[in-house]
């Protein structure tokens, strides 16, 4: 039996506030990524069935979503998202 996840789909306009450190910006651009492309990629993952279930569970617990991305040059970029409301 399939269980439907009720977490709403995220859209780029849902990112009310976005902050990026200079180091993360330099790393992203150096790896050929724009901050917008990075955010869109994260949204795609967050909207997947597993991602939506994780967001719903973490939101219910009042926790943040964190992810570490390894770029092509070996640098790591951390993403930390906090539930709104």
Protein backbone atom coordinates (compact mmCIF):
# COMPACT_ATOMS: atom_id res chain seq x y z
CA UNK A 1 0.00 0.00 0.00
CA UNK A 2 1.35 3.41 -0.98
CA UNK A 3 1.31 6.21 1.54
CA UNK A 4 0.77 9.70 0.16
CA UNK A 5 3.05 12.40 1.52
CA UNK A 6 1.31 15.66 2.31
CA UNK A 7 4.35 17.95 2.24
CA UNK A 8 3.66 20.75 -0.24
CA UNK A 9 5.81 20.94 -3.35
CA UNK A 10 8.56 23.53 -3.16
CA UNK A 11 9.03 26.09 -5.91
CA UNK A 12 11.87 28.59 -6.38
CA UNK A 13 9.53 31.37 -5.23
CA UNK A 14 9.13 29.53 -1.90
CA UNK A 15 12.71 30.37 -0.97
CA UNK A 16 11.84 33.47 1.00
CA UNK A 17 15.39 34.15 2.10
CA UNK A 18 18.58 32.78 0.62
CA UNK A 19 22.04 33.49 1.95
CA UNK A 20 25.34 32.26 0.60
CA UNK A 21 28.85 32.66 1.92
CA UNK A 22 31.54 34.03 -0.34
CA UNK A 23 33.40 30.72 -0.14
CA UNK A 24 30.32 28.75 -1.22
CA UNK A 25 29.68 31.18 -4.09
CA UNK A 26 33.29 30.91 -5.31
CA UNK A 27 33.11 27.11 -5.05
CA UNK A 28 29.83 26.86 -6.96
CA UNK A 29 30.92 29.20 -9.73
CA UNK A 30 34.30 27.47 -9.95
CA UNK A 31 32.49 24.14 -10.47
CA UNK A 32 30.27 25.67 -13.17
CA UNK A 33 27.13 26.02 -11.04
CA UNK A 34 25.07 29.14 -10.45
CA UNK A 35 23.42 29.61 -7.06
CA UNK A 36 20.03 29.48 -8.82
CA UNK A 37 20.86 26.16 -10.51
CA UNK A 38 22.04 24.80 -7.16
CA UNK A 39 18.79 25.89 -5.47
CA UNK A 40 16.69 24.38 -8.28
CA UNK A 41 18.60 21.10 -7.97
CA UNK A 42 17.98 21.03 -4.23
CA UNK A 43 14.27 21.75 -4.77
CA UNK A 44 14.06 18.84 -7.23
CA UNK A 45 15.56 16.50 -4.63
CA UNK A 46 13.37 17.94 -1.85
CA UNK A 47 10.25 17.35 -3.98
CA UNK A 48 11.07 13.70 -4.63
CA UNK A 49 8.95 11.23 -2.64
CA UNK A 50 11.79 10.53 -0.21
CA UNK A 51 12.69 14.21 0.07
CA UNK A 52 9.10 15.27 0.74
CA UNK A 53 8.73 12.61 3.43
CA UNK A 54 11.98 13.77 5.04
CA UNK A 55 10.92 17.44 4.94
CA UNK A 56 7.56 16.61 6.52
CA UNK A 57 9.15 14.59 9.31
CA UNK A 58 11.84 17.16 10.07
CA UNK A 59 9.31 20.00 9.99
CA UNK A 60 7.11 18.14 12.49
CA UNK A 61 10.14 17.82 14.78
CA UNK A 62 11.15 21.47 14.29
CA UNK A 63 14.50 20.48 12.78
CA UNK A 64 16.49 21.80 9.84
CA UNK A 65 17.21 20.01 6.60
CA UNK A 66 20.89 19.72 5.84
CA UNK A 67 22.74 18.42 2.82
CA UNK A 68 26.35 18.28 1.75
CA UNK A 69 27.17 18.43 -1.95
CA UNK A 70 30.55 17.34 -3.26
CA UNK A 71 31.50 19.46 -6.26
CA UNK A 72 33.54 18.27 -9.23
CA UNK A 73 36.70 19.93 -7.86
CA UNK A 74 36.42 18.09 -4.53
CA UNK A 75 35.07 21.03 -2.55
CA UNK A 76 32.02 20.58 -0.35
CA UNK A 77 29.07 22.96 -0.25
CA UNK A 78 26.66 22.70 2.66
CA UNK A 79 22.99 23.54 2.33
CA UNK A 80 20.93 24.20 5.44
CA UNK A 81 17.21 24.83 5.08
CA UNK A 82 14.92 25.82 7.89
CA UNK A 83 11.19 25.23 7.89
CA UNK A 84 9.05 28.34 7.58
CA UNK A 85 6.49 28.65 10.32
